[in-house]
């Protein structure tokens, strides 16, 4: 398949960790592309200030389908990366109603419904949509089901995972029934220094704070879960290739090659610290139900795109620590 070209890209949830890195990726690697993004209000995040001149950033009320429709109509993108969702897995257990309403009704039904209405009423509106899904849709995976294929039955283990299954199924339905050009990349664990509610960044931020004398010990939740690790920069390139090369209506697993337990990842970060780090289990950080095996079969995606991770595991860990140390340093200076 020839690689698709895009002139106008919309990133929903552009102020979030994944969305902001996606914006930076497009700005750096596809400078000819106009970038639009949605936000929920507030000023430009510090990490986007240096490229804000390249972004057309605007508020979009996903609670109102008509507002979403008008926003999409005004932007008229030919590519959408749909990141907008509440993605805090641990907190989803504490406020499931909010997560279901936000992710399923607002960022699911309202978003896909607006796309359908515009496609039906307009001869020019027909964007490619990369619906940025997650390995949390698979949930509880048995040892004999690893590595996980796209055909794996969903067994979500959290309200967040359940909400993403609903989104994923909606995306497939709107492709089949309404002809929307939707592709479903299912991203496994990737290291993102801006997302502080995932284990890797939570650990690295605490290491940086302890090094700076701002914290006494590191606290953690379940250390037994086994994951593959991918660099955020490789993840963003993979998302772009999904839109450029993958088949509409299909789901694609994306993940790294390094397999490691959460506990081993913590020990590695502690070994790279500039001082001794003590740690302990905090039961408040454990989940009532947890996923333990997140190891994908990525052959379908790699065969479709030729993608391979560029950054080594060591480079990824060093990048994470460097970014977290800079964040702590900026906080101290402020």
Protein backbone atom coordinates (compact mmCIF):
# COMPACT_ATOMS: atom_id res chain seq x y z
CA UNK A 1 0.00 0.00 0.00
CA UNK A 2 1.21 3.52 -0.83
CA UNK A 3 1.70 5.69 2.22
CA UNK A 4 -1.16 8.11 2.79
CA UNK A 5 -0.35 11.81 2.97
CA UNK A 6 -2.05 14.24 5.32
CA UNK A 7 -2.31 18.03 5.17
CA UNK A 8 -4.49 18.75 8.24
CA UNK A 9 -4.12 16.69 11.41
CA UNK A 10 -6.32 16.94 14.49
CA UNK A 11 -5.11 15.56 17.82
CA UNK A 12 -7.91 15.22 20.39
CA UNK A 13 -6.73 15.42 23.98
CA UNK A 14 -3.73 17.38 22.74
CA UNK A 15 -2.75 18.62 26.20
CA UNK A 16 -2.44 15.08 27.57
CA UNK A 17 0.71 12.98 27.66
CA UNK A 18 0.10 10.96 24.51
CA UNK A 19 -1.54 13.80 22.61
CA UNK A 20 1.21 16.30 23.37
CA UNK A 21 3.94 13.90 22.28
CA UNK A 22 1.96 13.22 19.10
CA UNK A 23 1.82 16.94 18.37
CA UNK A 24 5.58 17.22 18.84
CA UNK A 25 6.16 14.22 16.58
CA UNK A 26 4.08 15.71 13.75
CA UNK A 27 5.70 19.14 14.15
CA UNK A 28 9.21 17.66 13.96
CA UNK A 29 8.81 14.92 11.36
CA UNK A 30 5.96 16.27 9.19
CA UNK A 31 6.46 20.06 9.20
CA UNK A 32 4.32 20.47 6.09
CA UNK A 33 1.25 19.32 8.04
CA UNK A 34 -1.12 21.75 9.77
CA UNK A 35 -1.71 20.71 13.39
CA UNK A 36 -4.96 21.25 15.28
CA UNK A 37 -5.66 20.07 18.81
CA UNK A 38 -8.43 20.07 21.38
CA UNK A 39 -8.10 20.94 25.04
CA UNK A 40 -10.38 21.12 28.08
CA UNK A 41 -9.44 24.63 29.10
CA UNK A 42 -6.46 26.32 30.67
CA UNK A 43 -3.17 27.63 29.39
CA UNK A 44 -0.78 25.89 27.01
CA UNK A 45 1.22 23.17 28.84
CA UNK A 46 4.85 24.13 29.39
CA UNK A 47 6.11 21.33 27.14
CA UNK A 48 4.13 22.70 24.18
CA UNK A 49 5.06 26.37 24.62
CA UNK A 50 8.09 26.15 22.33
CA UNK A 51 5.98 24.93 19.39
CA UNK A 52 2.66 26.62 20.17
CA UNK A 53 3.02 28.81 17.07
CA UNK A 54 2.70 25.62 14.99
CA UNK A 55 -0.51 24.47 16.71
CA UNK A 56 -4.06 25.68 16.27
CA UNK A 57 -5.29 24.77 19.74
CA UNK A 58 -8.92 25.21 20.73
CA UNK A 59 -11.45 24.16 23.35
CA UNK A 60 -13.93 21.45 22.38
CA UNK A 61 -16.79 20.40 24.65
CA UNK A 62 -17.10 16.64 24.14
CA UNK A 63 -20.11 16.62 26.47
CA UNK A 64 -22.11 18.19 23.63
CA UNK A 65 -22.24 16.21 20.36
CA UNK A 66 -23.37 19.25 18.39
CA UNK A 67 -20.36 21.21 19.68
CA UNK A 68 -18.07 18.35 18.61
CA UNK A 69 -19.70 18.31 15.17
CA UNK A 70 -19.22 22.06 14.72
CA UNK A 71 -15.61 21.83 15.86
CA UNK A 72 -14.82 19.01 13.42
CA UNK A 73 -16.57 20.88 10.63
CA UNK A 74 -14.52 24.01 11.26
CA UNK A 75 -11.22 22.13 11.32
CA UNK A 76 -12.02 19.70 8.48
CA UNK A 77 -9.02 17.44 9.17
CA UNK A 78 -8.03 14.58 6.87
CA UNK A 79 -6.43 12.75 9.81
CA UNK A 80 -7.54 12.51 13.44
CA UNK A 81 -5.58 10.97 16.30
CA UNK A 82 -8.25 10.36 18.92
CA UNK A 83 -6.55 10.38 22.33
CA UNK A 84 -9.24 12.18 24.34
CA UNK A 85 -10.24 10.01 27.33
CA UNK A 86 -9.68 9.78 31.06
CA UNK A 87 -6.78 7.29 31.23
CA UNK A 88 -6.00 6.93 34.95
CA UNK A 89 -6.47 3.18 35.51
CA UNK A 90 -6.06 3.24 39.30
CA UNK A 91 -8.43 6.16 39.81
CA UNK A 92 -11.04 4.56 37.55
CA UNK A 93 -11.83 2.15 40.41
CA UNK A 94 -12.66 5.12 42.66
CA UNK A 95 -14.92 6.94 40.21
CA UNK A 96 -16.20 4.42 37.65
CA UNK A 97 -19.35 6.38 36.82
CA UNK A 98 -17.32 9.38 35.70
CA UNK A 99 -14.97 7.23 33.60
CA UNK A 100 -17.85 5.41 31.89
CA UNK A 101 -19.67 8.68 31.18
CA UNK A 102 -16.58 10.54 29.97
CA UNK A 103 -14.99 7.78 27.90
CA UNK A 104 -18.07 6.02 26.54
CA UNK A 105 -20.70 8.77 26.24
CA UNK A 106 -18.60 11.87 25.61
CA UNK A 107 -15.38 10.65 23.96
CA UNK A 108 -17.12 7.66 22.37
CA UNK A 109 -20.75 8.20 21.38
CA UNK A 110 -20.49 11.97 20.89
CA UNK A 111 -17.22 11.77 18.96
CA UNK A 112 -18.16 8.92 16.62
CA UNK A 113 -21.70 10.25 16.28
CA UNK A 114 -20.41 13.64 15.15
CA UNK A 115 -18.10 11.95 12.63
CA UNK A 116 -21.02 9.94 11.23
CA UNK A 117 -23.29 12.98 10.91
CA UNK A 118 -20.63 15.01 9.12
CA UNK A 119 -19.73 12.21 6.72
CA UNK A 120 -23.42 11.70 5.92
CA UNK A 121 -24.13 15.38 5.32
CA UNK A 122 -20.90 16.47 3.64
CA UNK A 123 -19.27 15.43 0.38
CA UNK A 124 -15.79 16.53 1.51
CA UNK A 125 -15.55 15.31 5.14
CA UNK A 126 -13.92 11.86 5.19
CA UNK A 127 -10.90 11.77 7.53
CA UNK A 128 -8.72 8.83 8.50
CA UNK A 129 -9.21 8.23 12.23
CA UNK A 130 -6.57 6.52 14.37
CA UNK A 131 -8.55 5.58 17.46
CA UNK A 132 -5.77 5.29 20.05
CA UNK A 133 -6.76 2.22 22.06
CA UNK A 134 -4.85 0.29 24.71
CA UNK A 135 -3.70 -3.13 25.88
CA UNK A 136 -6.06 -2.67 28.84
CA UNK A 137 -8.84 -3.93 26.56
CA UNK A 138 -7.34 -7.42 26.87
CA UNK A 139 -7.18 -7.34 30.67
CA UNK A 140 -6.65 -10.74 32.26
CA UNK A 141 -4.54 -12.79 29.87
CA UNK A 142 -3.65 -16.41 30.63
CA UNK A 143 -0.07 -17.68 30.28
CA UNK A 144 -0.94 -19.85 27.27
CA UNK A 145 -2.43 -16.79 25.50
CA UNK A 146 0.90 -14.93 25.39
CA UNK A 147 1.99 -13.23 23.20
CA UNK A 148 -1.38 -11.54 22.83
CA UNK A 149 -2.89 -11.43 19.34
CA UNK A 150 -5.53 -8.99 18.12
CA UNK A 151 -8.05 -11.86 18.16
CA UNK A 152 -7.65 -12.28 21.95
CA UNK A 153 -11.07 -12.01 23.69
CA UNK A 154 -11.32 -8.90 25.88
CA UNK A 155 -11.32 -9.47 29.64
CA UNK A 156 -10.90 -5.92 30.98
CA UNK A 157 -9.87 -5.66 34.62
CA UNK A 158 -10.81 -2.07 35.44
CA UNK A 159 -13.54 0.46 34.70
CA UNK A 160 -11.01 2.21 32.45
CA UNK A 161 -10.37 -1.02 30.52
CA UNK A 162 -14.11 -1.60 30.20
CA UNK A 163 -14.63 1.91 28.86
CA UNK A 164 -11.89 1.37 26.26
CA UNK A 165 -13.45 -1.93 25.16
CA UNK A 166 -16.68 -0.01 24.57
CA UNK A 167 -14.83 2.64 22.55
CA UNK A 168 -12.98 -0.03 20.58
CA UNK A 169 -16.23 -1.82 19.71
CA UNK A 170 -17.87 1.47 18.72
CA UNK A 171 -14.93 2.26 16.45
CA UNK A 172 -15.30 -1.10 14.72
CA UNK A 173 -19.07 -0.67 14.41
CA UNK A 174 -18.84 2.82 12.91
CA UNK A 175 -16.40 1.47 10.32
CA UNK A 176 -18.60 -1.48 9.41
CA UNK A 177 -21.95 0.27 9.47
CA UNK A 178 -21.20 3.85 8.45
CA UNK A 179 -18.02 3.60 6.39
CA UNK A 180 -15.81 5.72 8.66
CA UNK A 181 -12.10 5.25 7.97
CA UNK A 182 -11.21 4.11 11.47
CA UNK A 183 -8.08 2.15 12.46
CA UNK A 184 -7.56 0.82 16.00
CA UNK A 185 -3.94 0.83 17.23
CA UNK A 186 -3.85 -0.96 20.60
CA UNK A 187 -0.82 0.40 22.39
CA UNK A 188 0.90 -1.67 25.07
CA UNK A 189 3.09 -0.13 27.80
CA UNK A 190 5.16 2.79 26.65
CA UNK A 191 7.35 5.03 28.78
CA UNK A 192 5.98 8.58 28.86
CA UNK A 193 7.65 11.06 31.24
CA UNK A 194 4.55 13.28 31.12
CA UNK A 195 2.12 10.65 32.37
CA UNK A 196 2.76 10.53 36.08
CA UNK A 197 0.04 8.00 36.92
CA UNK A 198 1.78 5.05 35.23
CA UNK A 199 4.27 2.95 37.15
CA UNK A 200 7.41 3.82 35.17
CA UNK A 201 7.01 7.59 35.49
CA UNK A 202 5.70 7.42 39.05
CA UNK A 203 8.85 5.50 40.02
CA UNK A 204 11.23 7.80 38.10
CA UNK A 205 9.65 10.96 39.51
CA UNK A 206 10.06 9.63 43.04
CA UNK A 207 13.70 8.72 42.35
CA UNK A 208 14.29 12.28 41.14
CA UNK A 209 12.53 13.76 44.17
CA UNK A 210 14.54 11.61 46.59
CA UNK A 211 17.77 12.63 44.83
CA UNK A 212 16.74 16.27 45.31
CA UNK A 213 16.00 15.74 49.01
CA UNK A 214 12.25 16.33 48.55
CA UNK A 215 11.08 12.85 49.53
CA UNK A 216 12.28 10.20 51.96
CA UNK A 217 11.27 6.90 50.40
CA UNK A 218 9.70 5.51 47.26
CA UNK A 219 6.25 3.93 47.46
CA UNK A 220 4.82 1.46 44.96
CA UNK A 221 1.92 -0.87 44.21
CA UNK A 222 1.95 -4.33 42.62
CA UNK A 223 5.42 -5.28 41.35
CA UNK A 224 4.56 -8.66 39.82
CA UNK A 225 2.95 -7.51 36.57
CA UNK A 226 5.01 -8.34 33.46
CA UNK A 227 5.10 -5.84 30.58
CA UNK A 228 6.93 -5.00 27.42
CA UNK A 229 8.47 -1.51 27.40
CA UNK A 230 8.43 0.91 24.46
CA UNK A 231 9.87 4.41 24.16
CA UNK A 232 7.25 7.17 23.77
CA UNK A 233 9.10 8.47 20.71
CA UNK A 234 8.80 5.07 19.03
CA UNK A 235 5.14 4.91 20.06
CA UNK A 236 4.36 8.20 18.30
CA UNK A 237 6.08 7.06 15.10
CA UNK A 238 4.00 3.87 15.29
CA UNK A 239 0.77 5.86 15.60
CA UNK A 240 1.68 7.89 12.53
CA UNK A 241 2.46 4.76 10.50
CA UNK A 242 -0.86 3.28 11.60
CA UNK A 243 -2.67 6.15 9.93
CA UNK A 244 -0.38 6.19 6.90
CA UNK A 245 -0.25 2.48 6.09
CA UNK A 246 -2.73 0.31 7.98
CA UNK A 247 -6.09 -1.07 6.81
CA UNK A 248 -9.33 0.65 7.79
CA UNK A 249 -11.43 -1.29 10.28
CA UNK A 250 -8.50 -3.31 11.62
CA UNK A 251 -6.94 -3.49 15.10
CA UNK A 252 -3.14 -3.55 15.49
CA UNK A 253 -1.08 -4.37 18.57
CA UNK A 254 1.89 -2.06 19.15
CA UNK A 255 4.52 -2.65 21.82
CA UNK A 256 8.19 -2.90 22.67
CA UNK A 257 10.56 -5.86 22.62
CA UNK A 258 11.90 -5.66 26.18
CA UNK A 259 9.97 -7.92 28.57
CA UNK A 260 10.35 -7.01 32.24
CA UNK A 261 8.38 -7.14 35.48
CA UNK A 262 7.36 -3.91 37.19
CA UNK A 263 9.56 -4.92 40.12
CA UNK A 264 12.64 -5.41 37.95
CA UNK A 265 11.99 -2.04 36.32
CA UNK A 266 11.94 -0.43 39.76
CA UNK A 267 15.21 -2.11 40.72
CA UNK A 268 16.82 -0.84 37.52
CA UNK A 269 15.77 2.75 38.27
CA UNK A 270 17.07 2.45 41.83
CA UNK A 271 20.42 1.20 40.51
CA UNK A 272 20.68 4.32 38.31
CA UNK A 273 19.85 6.71 41.15
CA UNK A 274 22.43 9.16 42.47
CA UNK A 275 21.74 8.08 46.05
CA UNK A 276 20.42 5.09 47.96
CA UNK A 277 16.66 4.56 47.48
CA UNK A 278 14.48 2.73 50.00
CA UNK A 279 11.04 1.59 48.90
CA UNK A 280 7.91 0.05 50.34
CA UNK A 281 4.50 -1.24 49.28
CA UNK A 282 1.63 1.21 49.62
CA UNK A 283 -1.65 -0.71 49.47
CA UNK A 284 -3.44 2.45 48.34
CA UNK A 285 -1.54 2.13 45.05
CA UNK A 286 -2.67 -1.44 44.33
CA UNK A 287 -5.69 -2.15 42.16
CA UNK A 288 -8.65 -4.32 43.25
CA UNK A 289 -8.08 -6.27 40.03
CA UNK A 290 -4.86 -6.07 38.03
CA UNK A 291 -3.48 -7.19 34.69
CA UNK A 292 -0.36 -9.33 34.97
CA UNK A 293 0.70 -10.31 31.44
CA UNK A 294 0.88 -7.55 28.82
CA UNK A 295 3.08 -9.05 26.13
CA UNK A 296 1.86 -8.42 22.57
CA UNK A 297 2.30 -10.16 19.25
CA UNK A 298 3.10 -7.14 17.07
CA UNK A 299 3.74 -9.03 13.83
CA UNK A 300 0.52 -7.83 12.16
CA UNK A 301 1.49 -4.19 12.64
CA UNK A 302 5.13 -4.71 11.70
CA UNK A 303 4.21 -6.60 8.53
CA UNK A 304 1.81 -3.80 7.52
CA UNK A 305 4.22 -0.92 8.17
CA UNK A 306 7.80 -2.18 8.41
CA UNK A 307 8.04 -0.46 11.82
CA UNK A 308 10.74 -1.38 14.32
CA UNK A 309 11.60 0.46 17.57
CA UNK A 310 14.57 2.81 17.14
CA UNK A 311 15.40 3.38 20.81
CA UNK A 312 17.00 0.73 22.98
CA UNK A 313 15.63 -0.14 26.39
CA UNK A 314 18.62 1.54 28.06
CA UNK A 315 18.09 4.73 26.04
CA UNK A 316 14.43 4.73 27.04
CA UNK A 317 15.14 4.36 30.75
CA UNK A 318 17.81 7.09 30.65
CA UNK A 319 15.44 9.41 28.76
CA UNK A 320 12.74 8.83 31.38
CA UNK A 321 15.05 9.59 34.29
CA UNK A 322 16.52 12.64 32.56
CA UNK A 323 13.08 14.12 31.88
CA UNK A 324 11.85 13.45 35.42
CA UNK A 325 14.97 15.03 36.92
CA UNK A 326 14.41 18.12 34.75
CA UNK A 327 10.78 18.29 35.88
CA UNK A 328 11.78 18.13 39.55
CA UNK A 329 14.50 20.74 38.98
CA UNK A 330 12.02 23.10 37.29
CA UNK A 331 9.62 22.62 40.20
CA UNK A 332 12.32 23.51 42.73
CA UNK A 333 13.33 26.61 40.76
CA UNK A 334 9.71 27.78 40.55
